[in-house]
Amino acid sequence: MINVLVVDDDALVRLGLVDLLSTDPGLTVVAEASDGLAAVEQASLHRVDIALVDVRMPRMDGITATRRLRALPNPPRVITLTTFDLDEYVYDALAAGADGFLLKDTEPREIIRAVHVVADGHGMLHPAAARHLIDHFHRAARPEALEARARVKGLTPRETDVLARLAQGDSNAEIATALGMRESTVKAHVSRILNALGSGNRVQAALLARDAGLE
């Protein structure tokens, strides 16, 4: 069973998400919150596997909340909820530790699928906006680029190949097919890459890879 926390300051949005998630027998909404501060409080009281977090909220925004949620002793994975006009905030949320984001007009079945995908340890970036977000706001000229390139240099050539595919949003199965490897081998490479880069999840590793100029 996957325990979910729904965080949005719009009561109707929260109600809609709770009703949607309740249609999947593998998901249970254990708590709701109307802002980031309440989200952190609820995540401290309940075992939360996935937090669906809005970006703009009163008292504590979704970006700060994501950072705080990921710093908890048993941190939930975070999926940011957003609209296209919040691109820069979404990037900041991903950098803060979110495992992905969804547009609020995402098809209901895709929202449910995203929760399962992220719960399984994978990133989930909305395909229509992921590349636009990262390319537009993650520039090679940023100060982080120099540090990113130095960290990537510590990887083996094979790990670098895997990281490059990961930066494109490929799943483990897709990486295995592209590089002629077993999926279990890819999974082991990804674990080592995350440890070597100090990245909390695949999305952060992808952002770092793009900082380093990997495509």
Protein backbone atom coordinates (compact mmCIF):
# COMPACT_ATOMS: atom_id res chain seq x y z
CA MET A 1 0.00 0.00 0.00
CA ILE A 2 1.31 3.46 -0.94
CA ASN A 3 0.50 6.18 1.60
CA VAL A 4 -0.10 9.60 0.03
CA LEU A 5 -0.18 13.14 1.42
CA VAL A 6 -2.10 15.71 -0.66
CA VAL A 7 -0.94 19.32 -0.26
CA ASP A 8 -2.78 22.20 -1.95
CA ASP A 9 -4.31 25.42 -0.69
CA ASP A 10 -7.32 24.98 -2.98
CA ALA A 11 -9.87 22.84 -1.15
CA LEU A 12 -11.54 21.77 -4.40
CA VAL A 13 -8.23 20.63 -5.88
CA ARG A 14 -7.48 18.64 -2.73
CA LEU A 15 -10.91 17.04 -2.81
CA GLY A 16 -10.51 16.13 -6.46
CA LEU A 17 -7.10 14.56 -5.89
CA VAL A 18 -8.28 12.61 -2.85
CA ASP A 19 -11.30 11.30 -4.75
CA LEU A 20 -9.09 10.33 -7.71
CA LEU A 21 -6.47 8.56 -5.62
CA SER A 22 -9.15 6.66 -3.70
CA THR A 23 -10.13 4.88 -6.94
CA ASP A 24 -6.84 2.97 -6.86
CA PRO A 25 -6.84 0.14 -4.29
CA GLY A 26 -3.06 0.39 -4.02
CA LEU A 27 -3.15 4.00 -2.78
CA THR A 28 -4.30 5.46 0.53
CA VAL A 29 -4.51 9.17 1.30
CA VAL A 30 -3.35 9.32 4.92
CA ALA A 31 -3.40 13.11 5.29
CA GLU A 32 -4.17 16.43 3.62
CA ALA A 33 -2.61 19.87 4.08
CA SER A 34 -3.48 23.36 2.86
CA ASP A 35 0.07 24.75 2.96
CA GLY A 36 3.68 23.68 3.24
CA LEU A 37 3.95 24.12 7.00
CA ALA A 38 0.96 21.87 7.60
CA ALA A 39 2.41 19.38 5.10
CA VAL A 40 5.60 19.01 7.12
CA GLU A 41 3.56 18.61 10.30
CA GLN A 42 1.37 15.91 8.73
CA ALA A 43 4.37 14.06 7.29
CA SER A 44 5.87 14.00 10.77
CA LEU A 45 2.69 12.43 12.19
CA HIS A 46 2.02 9.85 9.47
CA ARG A 47 4.04 7.42 7.40
CA VAL A 48 3.94 9.10 4.01
CA ASP A 49 5.43 7.48 0.91
CA ILE A 50 4.42 10.12 -1.65
CA ALA A 51 3.55 13.79 -1.16
CA LEU A 52 1.72 15.61 -3.95
CA VAL A 53 2.71 19.24 -3.31
CA ASP A 54 1.43 22.43 -4.90
CA VAL A 55 4.04 25.12 -5.63
CA ARG A 56 2.37 28.36 -4.55
CA MET A 57 0.76 28.23 -1.12
CA PRO A 58 0.45 30.52 1.93
CA ARG A 59 2.69 30.34 5.00
CA MET A 60 5.20 27.97 3.36
CA ASP A 61 5.47 27.46 -0.39
CA GLY A 62 5.92 24.11 -2.08
CA ILE A 63 9.62 24.59 -2.74
CA THR A 64 10.47 25.19 0.90
CA ALA A 65 8.08 22.42 1.90
CA THR A 66 9.80 20.00 -0.47
CA ARG A 67 13.16 20.77 1.07
CA ARG A 68 11.74 20.31 4.57
CA LEU A 69 9.92 17.10 3.67
CA ARG A 70 13.05 15.59 2.14
CA ALA A 71 14.99 16.43 5.31
CA LEU A 72 12.69 14.41 7.57
CA PRO A 73 14.07 11.20 9.17
CA ASN A 74 11.83 9.07 6.93
CA PRO A 75 11.32 11.42 3.99
CA PRO A 76 8.47 10.94 1.53
CA ARG A 77 9.12 11.21 -2.18
CA VAL A 78 7.68 14.43 -3.57
CA ILE A 79 5.77 15.15 -6.76
CA THR A 80 5.27 18.85 -7.42
CA LEU A 81 1.94 20.05 -8.81
CA THR A 82 2.16 23.05 -11.12
CA THR A 83 0.96 24.93 -14.18
CA PHE A 84 3.00 26.05 -17.19
CA ASP A 85 3.39 29.59 -15.85
CA LEU A 86 5.40 28.29 -12.90
CA ASP A 87 8.37 26.92 -14.82
CA GLU A 88 11.10 28.52 -12.72
CA TYR A 89 9.44 27.48 -9.47
CA VAL A 90 9.24 23.91 -10.73
CA TYR A 91 12.96 23.84 -11.47
CA ASP A 92 13.65 25.09 -7.96
CA ALA A 93 11.35 22.41 -6.53
CA LEU A 94 13.20 19.69 -8.43
CA ALA A 95 16.52 21.05 -7.22
CA ALA A 96 15.11 21.02 -3.68
CA GLY A 97 14.56 17.27 -3.93
CA ALA A 98 11.27 16.65 -5.70
CA ASP A 99 11.19 13.43 -7.69
CA GLY A 100 9.15 15.01 -10.43
CA PHE A 101 6.21 17.20 -11.28
CA LEU A 102 2.77 17.03 -12.80
CA LEU A 103 0.71 19.67 -14.52
CA LYS A 104 -2.60 20.20 -12.79
CA ASP A 105 -4.45 19.35 -15.99
CA THR A 106 -2.70 15.99 -16.30
CA GLU A 107 -5.01 13.11 -17.21
CA PRO A 108 -6.28 11.39 -14.03
CA ARG A 109 -4.85 7.99 -15.00
CA GLU A 110 -1.43 9.63 -15.50
CA ILE A 111 -1.55 11.15 -12.01
CA ILE A 112 -2.16 7.71 -10.54
CA ARG A 113 0.58 6.21 -12.71
CA ALA A 114 3.00 8.93 -11.61
CA VAL A 115 2.42 8.10 -7.95
CA HIS A 116 3.24 4.45 -8.60
CA VAL A 117 6.28 5.29 -10.74
CA VAL A 118 7.77 7.64 -8.15
CA ALA A 119 6.96 5.22 -5.32
CA ASP A 120 9.02 2.63 -7.21
CA GLY A 121 12.00 4.97 -7.05
CA HIS A 122 11.86 6.58 -10.49
CA GLY A 123 11.60 10.22 -11.48
CA MET A 124 8.48 11.51 -13.21
CA LEU A 125 8.77 14.61 -15.38
CA HIS A 126 5.81 15.65 -17.48
CA PRO A 127 6.97 14.92 -21.07
CA ALA A 128 5.47 18.08 -22.56
CA ALA A 129 7.43 20.42 -20.31
CA ALA A 130 10.42 18.56 -18.84
CA ARG A 131 13.00 19.46 -21.47
CA HIS A 132 11.73 23.03 -21.72
CA LEU A 133 12.05 23.48 -17.96
CA ILE A 134 15.51 22.08 -17.58
CA ASP A 135 16.97 23.59 -20.74
CA HIS A 136 15.52 27.03 -20.11
CA PHE A 137 16.51 27.41 -16.48
CA HIS A 138 19.52 25.11 -16.11
CA ARG A 139 22.22 27.02 -17.98
CA ALA A 140 25.80 25.87 -18.36
CA ALA A 141 26.90 29.34 -17.25
CA ARG A 142 25.40 28.88 -13.80
CA PRO A 143 27.94 28.67 -10.93
CA GLU A 144 26.82 25.09 -10.30
CA ALA A 145 28.15 24.03 -13.70
CA LEU A 146 31.81 23.99 -12.66
CA GLU A 147 31.11 21.86 -9.60
CA ALA A 148 28.86 19.56 -11.63
CA ARG A 149 31.55 18.94 -14.25
CA ALA A 150 34.07 18.13 -11.52
CA ARG A 151 31.74 15.61 -9.91
CA VAL A 152 30.87 13.95 -13.21
CA LYS A 153 34.57 13.53 -13.99
CA GLY A 154 34.75 11.08 -11.08
CA LEU A 155 32.45 8.62 -12.87
CA THR A 156 33.63 5.75 -15.03
CA PRO A 157 33.00 6.03 -18.80
CA ARG A 158 30.15 3.52 -18.54
CA GLU A 159 28.59 5.37 -15.64
CA THR A 160 28.83 8.57 -17.65
CA ASP A 161 26.99 6.89 -20.52
CA VAL A 162 24.25 5.78 -18.14
CA LEU A 163 24.04 9.26 -16.62
CA ALA A 164 23.68 10.84 -20.07
CA ARG A 165 20.71 8.58 -20.84
CA LEU A 166 19.25 9.24 -17.41
CA ALA A 167 19.50 12.98 -18.10
CA GLN A 168 17.27 12.44 -21.14
CA GLY A 169 14.61 10.92 -18.90
CA ASP A 170 15.15 7.29 -19.94
CA SER A 171 13.92 4.53 -17.66
CA ASN A 172 16.23 1.71 -16.56
CA ALA A 173 14.72 -0.53 -19.25
CA GLU A 174 15.29 2.09 -21.95
CA ILE A 175 18.88 2.65 -20.82
CA ALA A 176 19.50 -1.09 -20.87
CA THR A 177 18.21 -1.35 -24.44
CA ALA A 178 20.16 1.68 -25.66
CA LEU A 179 23.46 0.61 -24.10
CA GLY A 180 23.13 -3.17 -24.52
CA MET A 181 23.09 -3.91 -20.80
CA ARG A 182 20.97 -5.93 -18.39
CA GLU A 183 18.39 -3.87 -16.55
CA SER A 184 19.79 -5.11 -13.22
CA THR A 185 23.21 -3.81 -14.26
CA VAL A 186 21.73 -0.42 -15.12
CA LYS A 187 20.03 -0.30 -11.73
CA ALA A 188 23.38 -0.98 -10.02
CA HIS A 189 25.06 1.73 -12.11
CA VAL A 190 22.33 4.24 -11.22
CA SER A 191 22.76 3.52 -7.50
CA ARG A 192 26.51 4.08 -7.75
CA ILE A 193 25.99 7.24 -9.78
CA LEU A 194 23.60 8.71 -7.22
CA ASN A 195 26.08 7.96 -4.42
CA ALA A 196 29.02 9.35 -6.35
CA LEU A 197 27.22 12.58 -7.27
CA GLY A 198 25.60 13.01 -3.88
CA SER A 199 22.19 13.16 -5.57
CA GLY A 200 19.07 12.24 -3.65
CA ASN A 201 17.20 10.93 -6.68
CA ARG A 202 17.29 10.49 -10.46
CA VAL A 203 15.88 13.94 -11.14
CA GLN A 204 18.63 15.68 -9.19
CA ALA A 205 21.22 13.55 -11.00
CA ALA A 206 19.66 14.54 -14.35
CA LEU A 207 19.84 18.22 -13.44
CA LEU A 208 23.45 17.88 -12.39
CA ALA A 209 24.23 16.03 -15.62
CA ARG A 210 22.80 18.88 -17.66
CA ASP A 211 24.81 21.37 -15.57
CA ALA A 212 27.86 19.37 -16.55
CA GLY A 213 26.94 19.57 -20.22
CA LEU A 214 25.86 15.95 -20.71
CA GLU A 215 23.08 15.50 -23.28
